Amino acid sequence: MKRIIITFVLILILGGIATFGILNQKNSSANSEYLRIHIRANSNSEIDQNVKYQVRDAVVEAMIPFLSECTTKKEAERIIESNFSYIEGIANSVLLKNGFTYTSKARLANEEFPTRSYDGIVFEQGFYDALILDLGNGEGNNWWCVVYPPLCFLKSNATGKDVVYKSKLVEIIKSFFS
């Protein structure tokens, strides 16, 4: 009887370890469902931080027509890659208009990011694919959001009211936690 109990406890422990490992793998693969955007300011000076938000507004507005119809992350990545010059041009025009001599550089990268929360959804620390837009040296604080699914993109419709693009995935996640 003692052997049966010890065997049962060992099976439970090993099963728990295996389950924990599987859950961790699923958690890290969940990161692969998102495509983030990070606009990194040249520095943390007030003027660099302010222009970062102006660049954000212009770039997001310019990207809405391209990304609002994407149905997969791969499609969003392909569209972004084919529009690097366009994205950099939008950012550079804002920088030039504000008297900055540095320029921007766009790239897609898989980078480690800390835990962040957006609109009640927690993005755990981990590696995420992201559109990185460095302004100048890109050493300042960044603004971030999620490009796919499009969690942060607003678009004005013909009546002038803002339309929020929603993600079914986000709605499911929110309902799970509420």
C-alpha atoms as a PDB file:
ATOM      1  CA  MET A   1       0.000   0.000   0.000  1.00  0.00           C
ATOM      2  CA  LYS A   2       2.859   2.332   0.882  1.00  0.00           C
ATOM      3  CA  ARG A   3       4.403   1.747  -2.566  1.00  0.00           C
ATOM      4  CA  ILE A   4       1.135   2.610  -4.273  1.00  0.00           C
ATOM      5  CA  ILE A   5       0.839   5.879  -2.359  1.00  0.00           C
ATOM      6  CA  ILE A   6       4.470   6.849  -3.065  1.00  0.00           C
ATOM      7  CA  THR A   7       4.050   5.956  -6.746  1.00  0.00           C
ATOM      8  CA  PHE A   8       0.827   7.973  -6.913  1.00  0.00           C
ATOM      9  CA  VAL A   9       2.488  11.011  -5.288  1.00  0.00           C
ATOM     10  CA  LEU A  10       5.463  10.763  -7.691  1.00  0.00           C
ATOM     11  CA  ILE A  11       3.098  10.591 -10.667  1.00  0.00           C
ATOM     12  CA  LEU A  12       1.265  13.670  -9.403  1.00  0.00           C
ATOM     13  CA  ILE A  13       4.533  15.570  -8.937  1.00  0.00           C
ATOM     14  CA  LEU A  14       5.874  14.589 -12.361  1.00  0.00           C
ATOM     15  CA  GLY A  15       2.508  15.362 -13.943  1.00  0.00           C
ATOM     16  CA  GLY A  16       2.500  18.767 -12.272  1.00  0.00           C
ATOM     17  CA  ILE A  17       5.999  19.525 -13.507  1.00  0.00           C
ATOM     18  CA  ALA A  18       5.083  18.456 -17.040  1.00  0.00           C
ATOM     19  CA  THR A  19       1.877  20.494 -16.945  1.00  0.00           C
ATOM     20  CA  PHE A  20       3.722  23.559 -15.642  1.00  0.00           C
ATOM     21  CA  GLY A  21       6.238  23.253 -18.484  1.00  0.00           C
ATOM     22  CA  ILE A  22       3.447  22.955 -21.058  1.00  0.00           C
ATOM     23  CA  LEU A  23       1.666  25.976 -19.612  1.00  0.00           C
ATOM     24  CA  ASN A  24       4.852  28.019 -19.785  1.00  0.00           C
ATOM     25  CA  GLN A  25       5.333  27.006 -23.411  1.00  0.00           C
ATOM     26  CA  LYS A  26       1.764  28.054 -24.219  1.00  0.00           C
ATOM     27  CA  ASN A  27       2.327  31.373 -22.460  1.00  0.00           C
ATOM     28  CA  SER A  28       5.435  32.101 -24.517  1.00  0.00           C
ATOM     29  CA  SER A  29       3.683  31.058 -27.719  1.00  0.00           C
ATOM     30  CA  ALA A  30       0.887  33.489 -26.872  1.00  0.00           C
ATOM     31  CA  ASN A  31       3.461  36.253 -27.351  1.00  0.00           C
ATOM     32  CA  SER A  32       3.808  35.126 -30.954  1.00  0.00           C
ATOM     33  CA  GLU A  33       0.201  36.129 -31.640  1.00  0.00           C
ATOM     34  CA  TYR A  34       0.976  39.816 -31.124  1.00  0.00           C
ATOM     35  CA  LEU A  35       2.872  42.345 -33.177  1.00  0.00           C
ATOM     36  CA  ARG A  36       3.822  45.358 -31.109  1.00  0.00           C
ATOM     37  CA  ILE A  37       4.916  48.834 -32.135  1.00  0.00           C
ATOM     38  CA  HIS A  38       7.551  50.758 -30.212  1.00  0.00           C
ATOM     39  CA  ILE A  39       8.468  54.315 -31.059  1.00  0.00           C
ATOM     40  CA  ARG A  40      11.672  55.091 -29.212  1.00  0.00           C
ATOM     41  CA  ALA A  41      12.550  58.715 -28.582  1.00  0.00           C
ATOM     42  CA  ASN A  42      16.043  60.013 -29.245  1.00  0.00           C
ATOM     43  CA  SER A  43      16.462  60.769 -25.522  1.00  0.00           C
ATOM     44  CA  ASN A  44      14.443  61.453 -22.399  1.00  0.00           C
ATOM     45  CA  SER A  45      14.647  65.223 -22.832  1.00  0.00           C
ATOM     46  CA  GLU A  46      11.254  66.918 -22.796  1.00  0.00           C
ATOM     47  CA  ILE A  47      11.581  68.073 -26.402  1.00  0.00           C
ATOM     48  CA  ASP A  48      12.515  64.571 -27.680  1.00  0.00           C
ATOM     49  CA  GLN A  49       9.662  63.019 -25.724  1.00  0.00           C
ATOM     50  CA  ASN A  50       7.172  65.574 -27.094  1.00  0.00           C
ATOM     51  CA  VAL A  51       8.165  65.007 -30.706  1.00  0.00           C
ATOM     52  CA  LYS A  52       7.892  61.236 -30.138  1.00  0.00           C
ATOM     53  CA  TYR A  53       4.143  61.716 -29.552  1.00  0.00           C
ATOM     54  CA  GLN A  54       3.802  63.838 -32.673  1.00  0.00           C
ATOM     55  CA  VAL A  55       5.564  61.101 -34.661  1.00  0.00           C
ATOM     56  CA  ARG A  56       3.268  58.526 -33.053  1.00  0.00           C
ATOM     57  CA  ASP A  57       0.147  60.408 -34.145  1.00  0.00           C
ATOM     58  CA  ALA A  58       1.374  60.800 -37.731  1.00  0.00           C
ATOM     59  CA  VAL A  59       2.652  57.224 -38.098  1.00  0.00           C
ATOM     60  CA  VAL A  60      -0.426  55.587 -36.583  1.00  0.00           C
ATOM     61  CA  GLU A  61      -2.721  57.700 -38.771  1.00  0.00           C
ATOM     62  CA  ALA A  62      -0.689  56.771 -41.851  1.00  0.00           C
ATOM     63  CA  MET A  63      -0.673  53.047 -40.998  1.00  0.00           C
ATOM     64  CA  ILE A  64      -4.401  52.677 -40.295  1.00  0.00           C
ATOM     65  CA  PRO A  65      -5.436  52.164 -43.934  1.00  0.00           C
ATOM     66  CA  PHE A  66      -2.790  49.470 -44.388  1.00  0.00           C
ATOM     67  CA  LEU A  67      -3.218  47.557 -41.140  1.00  0.00           C
ATOM     68  CA  SER A  68      -6.914  47.841 -40.291  1.00  0.00           C
ATOM     69  CA  GLU A  69      -7.820  45.150 -42.813  1.00  0.00           C
ATOM     70  CA  CYS A  70      -5.107  42.644 -41.836  1.00  0.00           C
ATOM     71  CA  THR A  71      -6.422  39.245 -40.858  1.00  0.00           C
ATOM     72  CA  THR A  72      -3.130  37.676 -39.773  1.00  0.00           C
ATOM     73  CA  LYS A  73       0.028  38.755 -38.017  1.00  0.00           C
ATOM     74  CA  LYS A  74       2.104  37.584 -41.014  1.00  0.00           C
ATOM     75  CA  GLU A  75       0.078  39.858 -43.278  1.00  0.00           C
ATOM     76  CA  ALA A  76       0.674  42.820 -40.931  1.00  0.00           C
ATOM     77  CA  GLU A  77       4.425  42.061 -40.877  1.00  0.00           C
ATOM     78  CA  ARG A  78       4.556  41.853 -44.678  1.00  0.00           C
ATOM     79  CA  ILE A  79       2.732  45.185 -45.057  1.00  0.00           C
ATOM     80  CA  ILE A  80       4.988  46.883 -42.520  1.00  0.00           C
ATOM     81  CA  GLU A  81       8.175  45.540 -44.131  1.00  0.00           C
ATOM     82  CA  SER A  82       7.083  46.741 -47.552  1.00  0.00           C
ATOM     83  CA  ASN A  83       6.385  50.201 -46.081  1.00  0.00           C
ATOM     84  CA  PHE A  84       9.536  50.846 -44.006  1.00  0.00           C
ATOM     85  CA  SER A  85      10.533  53.775 -46.247  1.00  0.00           C
ATOM     86  CA  TYR A  86       7.027  55.228 -46.065  1.00  0.00           C
ATOM     87  CA  ILE A  87       6.933  54.927 -42.247  1.00  0.00           C
ATOM     88  CA  GLU A  88      10.388  56.495 -41.946  1.00  0.00           C
ATOM     89  CA  GLY A  89       9.339  59.269 -44.352  1.00  0.00           C
ATOM     90  CA  ILE A  90       6.301  60.132 -42.208  1.00  0.00           C
ATOM     91  CA  ALA A  91       8.435  60.201 -39.048  1.00  0.00           C
ATOM     92  CA  ASN A  92      11.232  62.163 -40.715  1.00  0.00           C
ATOM     93  CA  SER A  93       8.828  64.812 -41.988  1.00  0.00           C
ATOM     94  CA  VAL A  94       7.522  65.375 -38.441  1.00  0.00           C
ATOM     95  CA  LEU A  95      11.079  65.545 -37.107  1.00  0.00           C
ATOM     96  CA  LEU A  96      12.169  68.010 -39.825  1.00  0.00           C
ATOM     97  CA  LYS A  97       9.051  70.151 -39.343  1.00  0.00           C
ATOM     98  CA  ASN A  98       9.989  70.464 -35.669  1.00  0.00           C
ATOM     99  CA  GLY A  99      13.598  71.436 -36.403  1.00  0.00           C
ATOM    100  CA  PHE A 100      15.317  68.123 -35.600  1.00  0.00           C
ATOM    101  CA  THR A 101      18.337  67.062 -37.611  1.00  0.00           C
ATOM    102  CA  TYR A 102      18.223  63.397 -36.659  1.00  0.00           C
ATOM    103  CA  THR A 103      16.106  60.906 -38.603  1.00  0.00           C
ATOM    104  CA  SER A 104      14.209  57.693 -37.911  1.00  0.00           C
ATOM    105  CA  LYS A 105      14.891  54.045 -38.655  1.00  0.00           C
ATOM    106  CA  ALA A 106      12.170  51.379 -38.886  1.00  0.00           C
ATOM    107  CA  ARG A 107      12.735  47.645 -38.463  1.00  0.00           C
ATOM    108  CA  LEU A 108      10.969  44.488 -37.365  1.00  0.00           C
ATOM    109  CA  ALA A 109      12.642  42.698 -34.473  1.00  0.00           C
ATOM    110  CA  ASN A 110      11.985  40.085 -31.832  1.00  0.00           C
ATOM    111  CA  GLU A 111      12.981  41.703 -28.568  1.00  0.00           C
ATOM    112  CA  GLU A 112      12.459  41.152 -24.878  1.00  0.00           C
ATOM    113  CA  PHE A 113      10.016  43.544 -23.237  1.00  0.00           C
ATOM    114  CA  PRO A 114       8.975  44.006 -19.616  1.00  0.00           C
ATOM    115  CA  THR A 115       5.453  43.340 -18.364  1.00  0.00           C
ATOM    116  CA  ARG A 116       3.090  46.067 -19.547  1.00  0.00           C
ATOM    117  CA  SER A 117      -0.624  46.672 -19.413  1.00  0.00           C
ATOM    118  CA  TYR A 118      -2.754  48.124 -22.183  1.00  0.00           C
ATOM    119  CA  ASP A 119      -6.447  48.830 -21.785  1.00  0.00           C
ATOM    120  CA  GLY A 120      -6.802  46.236 -19.030  1.00  0.00           C
ATOM    121  CA  ILE A 121      -4.824  43.537 -20.866  1.00  0.00           C
ATOM    122  CA  VAL A 122      -1.507  42.485 -19.369  1.00  0.00           C
ATOM    123  CA  PHE A 123       1.336  41.653 -21.712  1.00  0.00           C
ATOM    124  CA  GLU A 124       3.711  39.519 -19.685  1.00  0.00           C
ATOM    125  CA  GLN A 125       7.451  40.031 -19.827  1.00  0.00           C
ATOM    126  CA  GLY A 126       8.914  38.097 -22.713  1.00  0.00           C
ATOM    127  CA  PHE A 127       9.988  38.197 -26.312  1.00  0.00           C
ATOM    128  CA  TYR A 128       7.648  39.848 -28.787  1.00  0.00           C
ATOM    129  CA  ASP A 129       7.859  40.677 -32.462  1.00  0.00           C
ATOM    130  CA  ALA A 130       7.647  44.430 -32.901  1.00  0.00           C
ATOM    131  CA  LEU A 131       7.908  47.271 -35.333  1.00  0.00           C
ATOM    132  CA  ILE A 132      10.692  49.326 -33.797  1.00  0.00           C
ATOM    133  CA  LEU A 133      10.872  52.955 -34.898  1.00  0.00           C
ATOM    134  CA  ASP A 134      14.004  54.564 -33.489  1.00  0.00           C
ATOM    135  CA  LEU A 135      14.050  58.344 -33.541  1.00  0.00           C
ATOM    136  CA  GLY A 136      17.671  59.465 -33.705  1.00  0.00           C
ATOM    137  CA  ASN A 137      19.643  57.355 -31.234  1.00  0.00           C
ATOM    138  CA  GLY A 138      16.470  55.694 -29.950  1.00  0.00           C
ATOM    139  CA  GLU A 139      17.784  55.858 -26.378  1.00  0.00           C
ATOM    140  CA  GLY A 140      14.782  57.546 -24.755  1.00  0.00           C
ATOM    141  CA  ASN A 141      11.572  56.205 -23.311  1.00  0.00           C
ATOM    142  CA  ASN A 142       9.250  54.628 -25.805  1.00  0.00           C
ATOM    143  CA  TRP A 143       5.579  54.686 -26.661  1.00  0.00           C
ATOM    144  CA  TRP A 144       4.148  51.302 -27.393  1.00  0.00           C
ATOM    145  CA  CYS A 145       0.982  49.629 -28.516  1.00  0.00           C
ATOM    146  CA  VAL A 146      -0.156  46.550 -30.422  1.00  0.00           C
ATOM    147  CA  VAL A 147      -0.310  46.640 -34.221  1.00  0.00           C
ATOM    148  CA  TYR A 148      -1.782  43.158 -34.576  1.00  0.00           C
ATOM    149  CA  PRO A 149      -4.389  42.604 -33.474  1.00  0.00           C
ATOM    150  CA  PRO A 150      -4.952  46.363 -33.872  1.00  0.00           C
ATOM    151  CA  LEU A 151      -5.626  47.337 -30.263  1.00  0.00           C
ATOM    152  CA  CYS A 152      -4.676  50.994 -30.421  1.00  0.00           C
ATOM    153  CA  PHE A 153      -5.605  52.244 -33.845  1.00  0.00           C
ATOM    154  CA  LEU A 154      -8.450  54.750 -34.134  1.00  0.00           C
ATOM    155  CA  LYS A 155      -9.892  55.989 -37.386  1.00  0.00           C
ATOM    156  CA  SER A 156     -12.399  58.709 -38.038  1.00  0.00           C
ATOM    157  CA  ASN A 157     -15.313  57.732 -40.216  1.00  0.00           C
ATOM    158  CA  ALA A 158     -17.306  59.986 -42.535  1.00  0.00           C
ATOM    159  CA  THR A 159     -19.447  61.313 -39.681  1.00  0.00           C
ATOM    160  CA  GLY A 160     -16.372  62.387 -37.737  1.00  0.00           C
ATOM    161  CA  LYS A 161     -16.959  59.890 -34.922  1.00  0.00           C
ATOM    162  CA  ASP A 162     -14.050  57.737 -33.848  1.00  0.00           C
ATOM    163  CA  VAL A 163     -14.263  54.061 -34.656  1.00  0.00           C
ATOM    164  CA  VAL A 164     -12.286  51.684 -32.469  1.00  0.00           C
ATOM    165  CA  TYR A 165     -10.935  48.579 -34.169  1.00  0.00           C
ATOM    166  CA  LYS A 166     -11.534  45.664 -31.830  1.00  0.00           C
ATOM    167  CA  SER A 167     -10.031  42.226 -31.687  1.00  0.00           C
ATOM    168  CA  LYS A 168     -12.061  39.106 -30.995  1.00  0.00           C
ATOM    169  CA  LEU A 169      -8.981  37.652 -29.275  1.00  0.00           C
ATOM    170  CA  VAL A 170      -8.877  40.592 -26.865  1.00  0.00           C
ATOM    171  CA  GLU A 171     -12.601  40.290 -26.152  1.00  0.00           C
ATOM    172  CA  ILE A 172     -12.152  36.600 -25.304  1.00  0.00           C
ATOM    173  CA  ILE A 173      -9.195  37.387 -23.023  1.00  0.00           C
ATOM    174  CA  LYS A 174     -11.158  40.140 -21.268  1.00  0.00           C
ATOM    175  CA  SER A 175     -14.180  37.887 -20.749  1.00  0.00           C
ATOM    176  CA  PHE A 176     -11.943  35.163 -19.340  1.00  0.00           C
ATOM    177  CA  PHE A 177     -10.542  37.500 -16.685  1.00  0.00           C
ATOM    178  CA  SER A 178     -13.875  39.110 -15.748  1.00  0.00           C
END
